[in-house]
Amino acid sequence: MADGPAPSPAPWSLRRRLTGALIGACVAIGLLALWDTRGEALRTARDISDRVLAGSAMAIAEQITLDSGGTLSVAIPFSALDMLSSAAQDQVFYRVDGPTGFLTGYDGLPPVAPTVPPTGADTSFADDTWRGTAIRKATLRRELSGGGAILPVAITVAESTRAREELAAGILSRSALRIAILIGGATLVALAVVTLALRPLNELSRQMTDRRPDDLHPVASAAVAELQPVVQALNGFLSRLKEAVAALQSFSGNANHQIRTPITVARTQIGLARRATDAPARDAALQEADLALIRTEQVLAQLLRLARLQSSGAALSTAPFDLARRLRSLTADHIPAALTAGIDLGFDGPETLRVASDEVLLAELVGNLIDNAVRHGVSGAAVTVALGRTGGRPRITVASDGPPPDRARLARIEEALSAPGGPLMARATEHGLGLHLVREIAGALGITLQAGLDTGGLAISATLPDQTDSVA
C-alpha cells in the first residue's frame, strides 16, 4: 500500500522569522568584527615584538666597540637577551656581522635583507622559519668609526613567535567573549522588541478568534500604521462576505416565498380535480394546476438567473448589436401572452439603433419589464415598448396606459428598482422577482432605471450608457 504524501512542515511564524533575521544580522556583524579584531590583534602583537627586537638589537649595538687598531670588540649584554624572555618560553637567537662577515652568535641565522629601495630606517624586520621554528627577526645596520676607519656592522636578533601568537590569541579570545556577550544581549533585545512589535497583530488575531461565526462587522482600526492595509483588506473581505451571506439569505427567502405559492395553488387545484364530479370542473382545476406549475418553472428560472448574476464576479462580455431589431423581436415573443391577457402590446422606435452592451442580459431586462406589464395590466390596456434617446443615450421605456398605481404601490416599485443596499436587499414583492432581476442586470450593465406615470399608467424606463455606434 502506497504511503500518502508526507505532511508539509509547519510554516515559520513571523516572530521566528523576525527574531532569526535580527540574530543572523547580529552574528554576521559579530563575525566581521571578530575577523577585523583578529587582524588588529596580529598587527598589535607584531608591533610589540618588533619594538622589543629593535631594543634588543640596539642594546647589543651599543656594546660593539672599535679600537684604534681597527679591531671590533663585541660584548653581548645580558639585558639585551633578557628583554626577549617571556612566559611563553620563546627561543632567542642573535648574530653579529662585521665587514668581513660573521663575528659571533648563531652562524646559520640569516640577517634580514636590506629593503630595496632603502627606506632610511636603521632596522629591518621579517618573518622567517629557522630550524623548523617560525621566527620574527630584526637586523640593525650601523657604521662604526675609529682609527681613521669606518666599518659597517649588522646586528640580527630573532625570537620564536610563540609569545606573539599567544598575545594575539588572548586579544582575540577576549574580543570574541565581548562580541558573544553583545550578541546574547542583542538576542534578548530582539526577542523583546519583536514581542512588542507583534502585539497589535496578536491582538487582531485574538479579536478574530473570539468572534462569533455570524459576526461580520468591520474590525476596529489598527493601532499601528503598518497593519492598516491588512485591516482594510480584512474589512473589505468581511463586507463582501456579509453581502454574499445576505444574498444567500435573500435567495432562500425569495425561493421559499415565490415557489411555495404556486406549488400550494397547484396542490389545491389537483385536490379540487380529484373531488370534481364532472369533467369540465376537473379540466378547469387541472388547467389552473398546470398554470401554477408553469409559474413555478418561471420562478425557478428567475431565481437561478438572479443567483447567477449576484454571485458572478466575471466581467460582462459587451459587443455591438442592433437594439431596435432585438426589441422588436422580443416584443413579438410576448404578443401571445399579451393577447391571452387582453393586452395590446406594441413596439415604437427607430428602424435601427446600434449599441454596445451584453445582448442576452439586456434582453432579459426588457423581457422582465414586458412580462410584469402584461401580467399586472388590466384587460383592454395597451403596453408600448418604446426606444429613443435622452441626452444622446439610448432609452428603453415600457409603458402602460392602464390605471395608474397608487402612491404606496409606486413607492414599492421604485424601491424594488433602486439599489440603496445593493443586490442583497432584494425581496419578493407583488411583482415577484422580475423587478429585482431587472435591477441586478441594470447595475451590472450600468443602466439607469426610473419609474413614473406616463399616458395615465405606469412607465419604467432604462437608460443605457452612451455607447451608441450609429442610428438610422
Protein backbone atom coordinates (compact mmCIF):
# COMPACT_ATOMS: atom_id res chain seq x y z
CA MET A 1 0.00 0.00 0.00
CA ALA A 2 1.50 3.31 -1.09
CA ASP A 3 2.17 5.83 1.59
CA GLY A 4 0.27 9.09 1.44
CA PRO A 5 2.01 12.38 0.80
CA ALA A 6 4.24 13.50 3.60
CA PRO A 7 2.72 16.33 5.64
CA SER A 8 4.21 19.70 4.80
CA PRO A 9 6.27 21.26 7.59
CA ALA A 10 4.62 23.94 9.66
CA PRO A 11 5.45 27.42 8.32
CA TRP A 12 7.70 29.63 10.37
CA SER A 13 5.95 32.18 12.48
CA LEU A 14 6.52 35.89 11.87
CA ARG A 15 8.05 36.13 15.34
CA ARG A 16 10.58 33.42 14.49
CA ARG A 17 11.37 35.00 11.13
CA LEU A 18 12.00 38.46 12.58
CA THR A 19 13.98 37.13 15.52
CA GLY A 20 16.05 34.89 13.26
CA ALA A 21 16.76 37.77 10.87
CA LEU A 22 17.85 40.08 13.69
CA ILE A 23 20.01 37.44 15.35
CA GLY A 24 21.50 36.45 11.98
CA ALA A 25 22.40 40.07 11.29
CA CYS A 26 23.99 40.40 14.73
CA VAL A 27 26.01 37.19 14.23
CA ALA A 28 27.18 38.33 10.78
CA ILE A 29 28.26 41.71 12.15
CA GLY A 30 29.95 39.96 15.10
CA LEU A 31 31.90 37.65 12.77
CA LEU A 32 33.05 40.61 10.67
CA ALA A 33 34.10 42.43 13.82
CA LEU A 34 35.93 39.31 15.05
CA TRP A 35 37.75 38.96 11.73
CA ASP A 36 38.83 42.61 11.89
CA THR A 37 39.85 42.17 15.54
CA ARG A 38 41.98 39.16 14.63
CA GLY A 39 43.91 41.20 12.05
CA GLU A 40 44.30 44.06 14.50
CA ALA A 41 45.48 41.68 17.26
CA LEU A 42 48.12 40.18 14.97
CA ARG A 43 49.33 43.64 13.97
CA THR A 44 49.44 44.76 17.60
CA ALA A 45 51.41 41.68 18.71
CA ARG A 46 53.80 42.08 15.79
CA ASP A 47 54.42 45.76 16.55
CA ILE A 48 55.13 44.95 20.21
CA SER A 49 57.51 42.16 19.19
CA ASP A 50 59.27 44.43 16.68
CA ARG A 51 59.86 47.12 19.27
CA VAL A 52 61.37 44.58 21.65
CA LEU A 53 63.59 43.12 18.91
CA ALA A 54 64.72 46.59 17.89
CA GLY A 55 65.53 47.45 21.50
CA SER A 56 67.47 44.24 21.95
CA ALA A 57 69.47 44.87 18.74
CA MET A 58 70.12 48.44 19.88
CA ALA A 59 71.44 47.23 23.25
CA ILE A 60 73.87 44.86 21.54
CA ALA A 61 74.96 47.56 19.08
CA GLU A 62 75.88 49.86 21.95
CA GLN A 63 78.31 47.24 23.25
CA ILE A 64 80.25 46.93 19.97
CA THR A 65 83.48 48.94 20.06
CA LEU A 66 86.22 49.72 17.52
CA ASP A 67 89.75 50.26 18.89
CA SER A 68 92.48 52.33 17.35
CA GLY A 69 93.82 49.32 15.51
CA GLY A 70 90.53 48.82 13.65
CA THR A 71 89.55 45.74 15.64
CA LEU A 72 85.89 45.18 16.51
CA SER A 73 85.02 44.01 20.02
CA VAL A 74 81.55 42.62 20.84
CA ALA A 75 80.18 42.17 24.37
CA ILE A 76 76.70 40.70 24.47
CA PRO A 77 74.88 42.33 27.43
CA PHE A 78 72.57 40.13 29.44
CA SER A 79 69.86 42.79 29.35
CA ALA A 80 69.70 42.58 25.55
CA LEU A 81 68.63 38.95 25.65
CA ASP A 82 66.69 39.22 28.90
CA MET A 83 64.23 41.72 27.42
CA LEU A 84 63.23 38.99 24.92
CA SER A 85 62.34 36.50 27.63
CA SER A 86 58.62 35.78 28.13
CA ALA A 87 56.30 33.42 29.91
CA ALA A 88 55.83 31.59 26.61
CA GLN A 89 59.49 30.41 26.81
CA ASP A 90 60.35 31.69 23.33
CA GLN A 91 63.67 30.76 21.76
CA VAL A 92 66.05 33.71 21.27
CA PHE A 93 68.76 33.92 18.57
CA TYR A 94 71.27 36.61 17.68
CA ARG A 95 74.06 37.23 15.22
CA VAL A 96 76.63 39.99 14.76
CA ASP A 97 78.28 40.58 11.37
CA GLY A 98 81.24 42.83 10.62
CA PRO A 99 82.86 44.00 7.40
CA THR A 100 84.26 40.55 6.73
CA GLY A 101 81.13 38.61 7.73
CA PHE A 102 80.11 36.62 10.79
CA LEU A 103 81.56 37.72 14.13
CA THR A 104 79.53 35.99 16.87
CA GLY A 105 76.18 34.40 17.63
CA TYR A 106 74.33 31.83 15.57
CA ASP A 107 76.18 31.44 12.31
CA GLY A 108 73.25 29.91 10.39
CA LEU A 109 70.81 32.70 11.27
CA PRO A 110 70.31 34.74 8.07
CA PRO A 111 70.14 38.54 8.50
CA VAL A 112 67.19 40.48 7.15
CA ALA A 113 67.93 41.65 3.65
CA PRO A 114 68.03 45.44 3.34
CA THR A 115 64.95 46.99 1.81
CA VAL A 116 65.03 47.99 -1.84
CA PRO A 117 64.81 50.86 -2.32
CA PRO A 118 66.17 51.94 1.08
CA THR A 119 63.56 53.39 3.42
CA GLY A 120 66.02 55.29 5.62
CA ALA A 121 65.29 53.12 8.69
CA ASP A 122 68.22 51.51 10.54
CA THR A 123 66.29 48.35 11.43
CA SER A 124 64.60 45.88 9.04
CA PHE A 125 62.09 43.24 10.12
CA ALA A 126 60.94 39.98 8.56
CA ASP A 127 59.16 36.72 9.34
CA ASP A 128 61.11 33.55 8.67
CA THR A 129 61.47 29.89 9.58
CA TRP A 130 64.73 28.65 11.01
CA ARG A 131 65.49 25.16 12.30
CA GLY A 132 61.84 24.27 11.85
CA THR A 133 60.67 27.13 14.07
CA ALA A 134 58.72 30.17 12.97
CA ILE A 135 60.64 33.27 13.98
CA ARG A 136 60.42 37.05 13.79
CA LYS A 137 63.82 38.70 13.24
CA ALA A 138 65.22 42.21 13.15
CA THR A 139 68.51 43.40 11.67
CA LEU A 140 70.09 46.70 12.78
CA ARG A 141 72.77 48.11 10.47
CA ARG A 142 75.30 50.67 11.69
CA GLU A 143 78.68 52.10 10.84
CA LEU A 144 81.43 52.43 13.48
CA SER A 145 84.34 54.83 13.12
CA GLY A 146 87.71 54.66 14.83
CA GLY A 147 91.39 54.78 13.98
CA GLY A 148 90.56 56.61 10.77
CA ALA A 149 88.34 53.76 9.51
CA ILE A 150 84.58 53.37 9.13
CA LEU A 151 83.34 49.80 9.46
CA PRO A 152 79.75 48.57 8.84
CA VAL A 153 78.19 46.18 11.33
CA ALA A 154 74.87 44.31 11.33
CA ILE A 155 73.17 43.00 14.46
CA THR A 156 70.41 40.41 13.91
CA VAL A 157 68.12 39.40 16.77
CA ALA A 158 65.35 36.83 16.39
CA GLU A 159 62.86 35.04 18.58
CA SER A 160 60.19 32.39 18.03
CA THR A 161 56.63 33.65 17.58
CA ARG A 162 55.00 31.71 20.40
CA ALA A 163 54.61 34.73 22.67
CA ARG A 164 53.34 36.86 19.79
CA GLU A 165 50.74 34.22 18.86
CA GLU A 166 49.64 33.86 22.47
CA LEU A 167 49.25 37.63 22.77
CA ALA A 168 47.17 37.76 19.58
CA ALA A 169 45.10 34.78 20.72
CA GLY A 170 44.47 36.44 24.09
CA ILE A 171 43.31 39.66 22.46
CA LEU A 172 41.14 37.68 20.03
CA SER A 173 39.57 35.49 22.71
CA ARG A 174 38.71 38.49 24.90
CA SER A 175 37.19 40.25 21.91
CA ALA A 176 35.24 37.11 20.98
CA LEU A 177 33.87 36.90 24.52
CA ARG A 178 32.75 40.53 24.42
CA ILE A 179 31.15 40.05 21.00
CA ALA A 180 29.36 36.90 22.19
CA ILE A 181 28.00 38.81 25.19
CA LEU A 182 26.84 41.60 22.84
CA ILE A 183 25.16 39.08 20.54
CA GLY A 184 23.44 37.46 23.51
CA GLY A 185 22.23 40.84 24.73
CA ALA A 186 21.11 41.77 21.21
CA THR A 187 19.18 38.49 21.02
CA LEU A 188 17.30 39.29 24.22
CA VAL A 189 16.60 42.80 22.98
CA ALA A 190 15.43 41.43 19.62
CA LEU A 191 13.05 39.00 21.34
CA ALA A 192 11.61 41.80 23.46
CA VAL A 193 11.30 44.19 20.51
CA VAL A 194 9.68 41.57 18.26
CA THR A 195 7.24 40.64 21.03
CA LEU A 196 6.24 44.28 21.50
CA ALA A 197 6.09 44.91 17.74
CA LEU A 198 3.82 41.90 17.13
CA ARG A 199 1.47 42.69 20.00
CA PRO A 200 -1.03 44.57 17.75
CA LEU A 201 -1.02 41.63 15.33
CA ASN A 202 -1.64 39.20 18.18
CA GLU A 203 -4.46 41.42 19.41
CA LEU A 204 -6.02 41.40 15.93
CA SER A 205 -5.71 37.62 15.80
CA ARG A 206 -7.34 37.32 19.22
CA GLN A 207 -10.22 39.56 18.15
CA MET A 208 -10.88 37.44 15.08
CA THR A 209 -10.62 34.20 17.07
CA ASP A 210 -13.07 35.40 19.74
CA ARG A 211 -15.68 36.49 17.20
CA ARG A 212 -18.92 34.62 16.77
CA PRO A 213 -19.33 32.87 13.40
CA ASP A 214 -22.15 35.25 12.43
CA ASP A 215 -20.31 38.44 13.46
CA LEU A 216 -19.27 40.08 10.18
CA HIS A 217 -18.92 43.64 11.45
CA PRO A 218 -15.79 45.60 10.43
CA VAL A 219 -12.67 45.24 12.55
CA ALA A 220 -11.62 48.25 14.61
CA SER A 221 -8.81 50.35 13.16
CA ALA A 222 -5.32 49.03 13.90
CA ALA A 223 -3.08 50.83 16.40
CA VAL A 224 -0.05 50.80 14.08
CA ALA A 225 0.13 52.17 10.55
CA GLU A 226 1.67 49.00 9.10
CA LEU A 227 -1.47 47.00 9.97
CA GLN A 228 -3.89 49.48 8.41
CA PRO A 229 -3.72 47.88 4.92
CA VAL A 230 -4.32 44.45 6.47
CA VAL A 231 -7.30 45.71 8.48
CA GLN A 232 -8.72 47.50 5.45
CA ALA A 233 -8.37 44.39 3.29
CA LEU A 234 -9.93 42.27 6.06
CA ASN A 235 -12.83 44.69 6.43
CA GLY A 236 -13.33 44.64 2.66
CA PHE A 237 -13.45 40.85 2.75
CA LEU A 238 -15.90 40.88 5.66
CA SER A 239 -18.09 43.34 3.77
CA ARG A 240 -18.12 41.14 0.68
CA LEU A 241 -18.76 38.07 2.82
CA LYS A 242 -21.63 39.85 4.55
CA GLU A 243 -23.11 40.71 1.17
CA ALA A 244 -22.70 37.13 0.00
CA VAL A 245 -24.41 35.78 3.14
CA ALA A 246 -27.21 38.31 2.78
CA ALA A 247 -27.54 37.37 -0.90
CA LEU A 248 -27.87 33.73 0.09
CA GLN A 249 -30.49 34.61 2.69
CA SER A 250 -32.30 36.77 0.15
CA PHE A 251 -32.20 33.98 -2.39
CA SER A 252 -33.51 31.48 0.15
CA GLY A 253 -36.30 33.84 1.22
CA ASN A 254 -37.30 34.58 -2.36
CA ALA A 255 -37.20 30.93 -3.31
CA ASN A 256 -39.32 29.98 -0.29
CA HIS A 257 -41.94 32.64 -0.98
CA GLN A 258 -42.04 32.50 -4.76
CA ILE A 259 -42.06 28.73 -5.13
CA ARG A 260 -44.34 27.86 -2.23
CA THR A 261 -47.25 29.99 -3.51
CA PRO A 262 -47.65 28.38 -6.98
CA ILE A 263 -46.98 24.92 -5.58
CA THR A 264 -49.71 25.46 -2.99
CA VAL A 265 -52.06 26.59 -5.76
CA ALA A 266 -51.16 23.53 -7.84
CA ARG A 267 -51.78 21.15 -4.94
CA THR A 268 -55.10 22.86 -4.17
CA GLN A 269 -56.25 22.59 -7.79
CA ILE A 270 -55.16 18.95 -8.02
CA GLY A 271 -57.20 18.28 -4.86
CA LEU A 272 -60.20 20.00 -6.42
CA ALA A 273 -59.74 17.96 -9.58
CA ARG A 274 -59.79 14.77 -7.56
CA ARG A 275 -63.03 15.75 -5.89
CA ALA A 276 -64.67 17.08 -9.05
CA THR A 277 -67.72 15.13 -10.17
CA ASP A 278 -67.93 16.45 -13.72
CA ALA A 279 -65.32 16.70 -16.47
CA PRO A 280 -65.45 20.50 -17.04
CA ALA A 281 -64.71 21.25 -13.37
CA ARG A 282 -61.92 18.70 -13.31
CA ASP A 283 -60.39 20.10 -16.52
CA ALA A 284 -60.58 23.64 -15.18
CA ALA A 285 -58.84 22.62 -11.94
CA LEU A 286 -56.12 20.76 -13.84
CA GLN A 287 -55.61 23.75 -16.12
CA GLU A 288 -55.16 26.01 -13.09
CA ALA A 289 -52.70 23.49 -11.61
CA ASP A 290 -50.82 23.43 -14.92
CA LEU A 291 -50.60 27.24 -14.96
CA ALA A 292 -49.32 27.17 -11.37
CA LEU A 293 -46.60 24.69 -12.32
CA ILE A 294 -45.67 26.84 -15.31
CA ARG A 295 -45.39 29.78 -12.95
CA THR A 296 -43.20 27.67 -10.66
CA GLU A 297 -40.92 26.87 -13.59
CA GLN A 298 -40.66 30.56 -14.46
CA VAL A 299 -39.89 31.48 -10.86
CA LEU A 300 -37.17 28.82 -10.68
CA ALA A 301 -35.62 30.15 -13.88
CA GLN A 302 -35.67 33.69 -12.49
CA LEU A 303 -34.19 32.56 -9.20
CA LEU A 304 -31.36 30.78 -10.95
CA ARG A 305 -30.63 33.79 -13.15
CA LEU A 306 -30.77 36.11 -10.13
CA ALA A 307 -28.43 33.90 -8.10
CA ARG A 308 -26.01 33.54 -11.01
CA LEU A 309 -25.97 37.29 -11.61
CA GLN A 310 -25.47 38.12 -7.92
CA SER A 311 -22.66 35.62 -7.43
CA SER A 312 -20.82 36.23 -10.70
CA GLY A 313 -17.63 38.25 -10.39
CA ALA A 314 -16.58 37.87 -14.02
CA ALA A 315 -16.55 40.80 -16.41
CA LEU A 316 -19.52 41.03 -18.78
CA SER A 317 -18.94 40.50 -22.49
CA THR A 318 -20.19 43.50 -24.45
CA ALA A 319 -20.46 43.68 -28.23
CA PRO A 320 -22.23 45.98 -30.69
CA PHE A 321 -25.70 44.84 -31.83
CA ASP A 322 -28.92 46.29 -33.26
CA LEU A 323 -31.04 47.12 -30.21
CA ALA A 324 -34.07 48.17 -32.27
CA ARG A 325 -34.22 44.83 -34.08
CA ARG A 326 -33.75 42.93 -30.80
CA LEU A 327 -36.59 44.83 -29.09
CA ARG A 328 -38.97 44.22 -31.99
CA SER A 329 -38.24 40.51 -31.81
CA LEU A 330 -38.60 40.49 -28.03
CA THR A 331 -41.94 42.32 -28.23
CA ALA A 332 -43.20 39.84 -30.81
CA ASP A 333 -42.28 36.95 -28.49
CA HIS A 334 -44.58 38.36 -25.77
CA ILE A 335 -47.57 39.09 -28.03
CA PRO A 336 -49.24 35.66 -27.49
CA ALA A 337 -49.20 36.12 -23.70
CA ALA A 338 -50.45 39.70 -24.11
CA LEU A 339 -53.33 38.60 -26.33
CA THR A 340 -54.31 35.97 -23.76
CA ALA A 341 -54.40 38.69 -21.08
CA GLY A 342 -56.30 41.11 -23.36
CA ILE A 343 -53.33 43.47 -23.58
CA ASP A 344 -52.45 45.41 -26.74
CA LEU A 345 -48.66 45.06 -26.93
CA GLY A 346 -46.61 47.01 -29.49
CA PHE A 347 -43.18 48.49 -30.30
CA ASP A 348 -42.39 52.11 -31.11
CA GLY A 349 -38.89 53.06 -32.15
CA PRO A 350 -36.38 53.62 -34.96
CA GLU A 351 -35.60 51.08 -37.63
CA THR A 352 -32.03 50.64 -36.40
CA LEU A 353 -30.17 51.61 -33.24
CA ARG A 354 -26.80 50.01 -32.58
CA VAL A 355 -25.41 49.89 -29.06
CA ALA A 356 -22.55 48.11 -27.32
CA SER A 357 -23.77 46.03 -24.40
CA ASP A 358 -24.49 42.47 -23.28
CA GLU A 359 -27.32 41.49 -25.60
CA VAL A 360 -28.52 38.48 -23.59
CA LEU A 361 -28.73 40.34 -20.27
CA LEU A 362 -30.30 43.42 -21.85
CA ALA A 363 -32.96 41.23 -23.48
CA GLU A 364 -33.58 39.59 -20.09
CA LEU A 365 -34.06 43.02 -18.50
CA VAL A 366 -36.58 44.22 -21.11
CA GLY A 367 -38.32 40.84 -21.16
CA ASN A 368 -38.94 41.05 -17.42
CA LEU A 369 -40.34 44.57 -17.77
CA ILE A 370 -42.69 43.43 -20.53
CA ASP A 371 -43.69 40.33 -18.56
CA ASN A 372 -44.53 42.42 -15.48
CA ALA A 373 -46.51 44.95 -17.55
CA VAL A 374 -48.53 42.18 -19.21
CA ARG A 375 -49.11 40.13 -16.08
CA HIS A 376 -50.16 43.06 -13.89
CA GLY A 377 -52.02 45.04 -16.56
CA VAL A 378 -55.77 45.14 -16.91
CA SER A 379 -57.63 43.71 -19.86
CA GLY A 380 -58.05 46.23 -22.63
CA ALA A 381 -54.93 48.22 -21.72
CA ALA A 382 -52.11 48.99 -24.16
CA VAL A 383 -48.46 48.33 -23.36
CA THR A 384 -45.84 50.03 -25.53
CA VAL A 385 -42.14 49.19 -25.74
CA ALA A 386 -40.54 52.47 -26.87
CA LEU A 387 -36.94 53.08 -27.93
CA GLY A 388 -35.50 56.57 -28.17
CA ARG A 389 -32.75 58.85 -26.96
CA THR A 390 -32.27 61.02 -23.89
CA GLY A 391 -29.29 63.34 -23.95
CA GLY A 392 -27.58 61.19 -26.55
CA ARG A 393 -28.09 57.99 -24.53
CA PRO A 394 -30.35 55.15 -25.72
CA ARG A 395 -33.50 54.84 -23.62
CA ILE A 396 -35.96 51.94 -23.43
CA THR A 397 -39.42 52.59 -21.94
CA VAL A 398 -42.11 50.02 -21.17
CA ALA A 399 -45.30 51.99 -20.54
CA SER A 400 -48.92 51.03 -19.91
CA ASP A 401 -51.99 53.23 -20.36
CA GLY A 402 -53.92 51.26 -17.76
CA PRO A 403 -54.99 52.60 -14.40
CA PRO A 404 -52.09 54.32 -12.60
CA PRO A 405 -50.77 52.67 -9.43
CA ASP A 406 -51.44 54.34 -6.12
CA ARG A 407 -48.65 56.16 -4.29
CA ALA A 408 -47.83 53.23 -1.98
CA ARG A 409 -47.52 50.76 -4.86
CA LEU A 410 -45.47 53.21 -6.94
CA ALA A 411 -43.15 53.69 -3.95
CA ARG A 412 -42.67 49.91 -3.64
CA ILE A 413 -41.91 49.65 -7.35
CA GLU A 414 -39.36 52.47 -7.12
CA GLU A 415 -37.80 50.79 -4.09
CA ALA A 416 -37.56 47.49 -5.95
CA LEU A 417 -35.85 49.21 -8.88
CA SER A 418 -33.46 51.26 -6.76
CA ALA A 419 -30.41 49.74 -5.09
CA PRO A 420 -29.82 51.51 -1.76
CA GLY A 421 -28.44 48.36 -0.20
CA GLY A 422 -27.17 46.62 -3.30
CA PRO A 423 -28.39 43.28 -4.56
CA LEU A 424 -28.66 41.92 -1.06
CA MET A 425 -31.83 43.90 -0.33
CA ALA A 426 -33.85 42.01 -2.95
CA ARG A 427 -37.10 40.73 -1.54
CA ALA A 428 -40.18 39.35 -3.22
CA THR A 429 -42.97 41.87 -3.88
CA GLU A 430 -46.30 41.68 -5.65
CA HIS A 431 -44.23 41.89 -8.84
CA GLY A 432 -42.27 38.77 -7.91
CA LEU A 433 -38.61 38.60 -8.74
CA GLY A 434 -38.88 40.29 -12.12
CA LEU A 435 -38.13 43.83 -10.95
CA HIS A 436 -35.30 42.64 -8.69
CA LEU A 437 -33.75 40.79 -11.61
CA VAL A 438 -34.15 43.96 -13.70
CA ARG A 439 -32.34 45.93 -11.03
CA GLU A 440 -29.48 43.40 -10.85
CA ILE A 441 -28.98 43.45 -14.62
CA ALA A 442 -29.18 47.25 -14.71
CA GLY A 443 -26.47 47.51 -12.07
CA ALA A 444 -24.24 45.10 -13.98
CA LEU A 445 -24.68 46.95 -17.30
CA GLY A 446 -24.53 50.49 -15.91
CA ILE A 447 -28.16 51.20 -16.83
CA THR A 448 -30.21 53.89 -15.05
CA LEU A 449 -33.77 52.82 -14.08
CA GLN A 450 -36.66 55.18 -13.46
CA ALA A 451 -40.33 54.54 -12.65
CA GLY A 452 -43.09 57.09 -13.16
CA LEU A 453 -46.53 57.75 -14.55
CA ASP A 454 -46.92 58.12 -18.32
CA THR A 455 -50.00 58.06 -20.57
CA GLY A 456 -52.10 57.50 -17.49
CA GLY A 457 -50.35 54.32 -16.36
CA LEU A 458 -47.03 53.02 -15.07
CA ALA A 459 -43.90 53.59 -17.17
CA ILE A 460 -40.49 52.13 -16.40
CA SER A 461 -37.52 53.42 -18.39
CA ALA A 462 -33.98 52.02 -18.72
CA THR A 463 -31.32 54.50 -19.94
CA LEU A 464 -28.16 52.88 -21.30
CA PRO A 465 -24.65 54.34 -21.08
CA ASP A 466 -23.60 56.48 -24.04
CA GLN A 467 -22.13 53.68 -26.20
CA THR A 468 -24.12 54.20 -29.40
CA ASP A 469 -22.28 53.45 -32.64
CA SER A 470 -24.88 54.70 -35.14
CA VAL A 471 -28.56 55.50 -35.50
CA ALA A 472 -30.50 55.03 -38.71
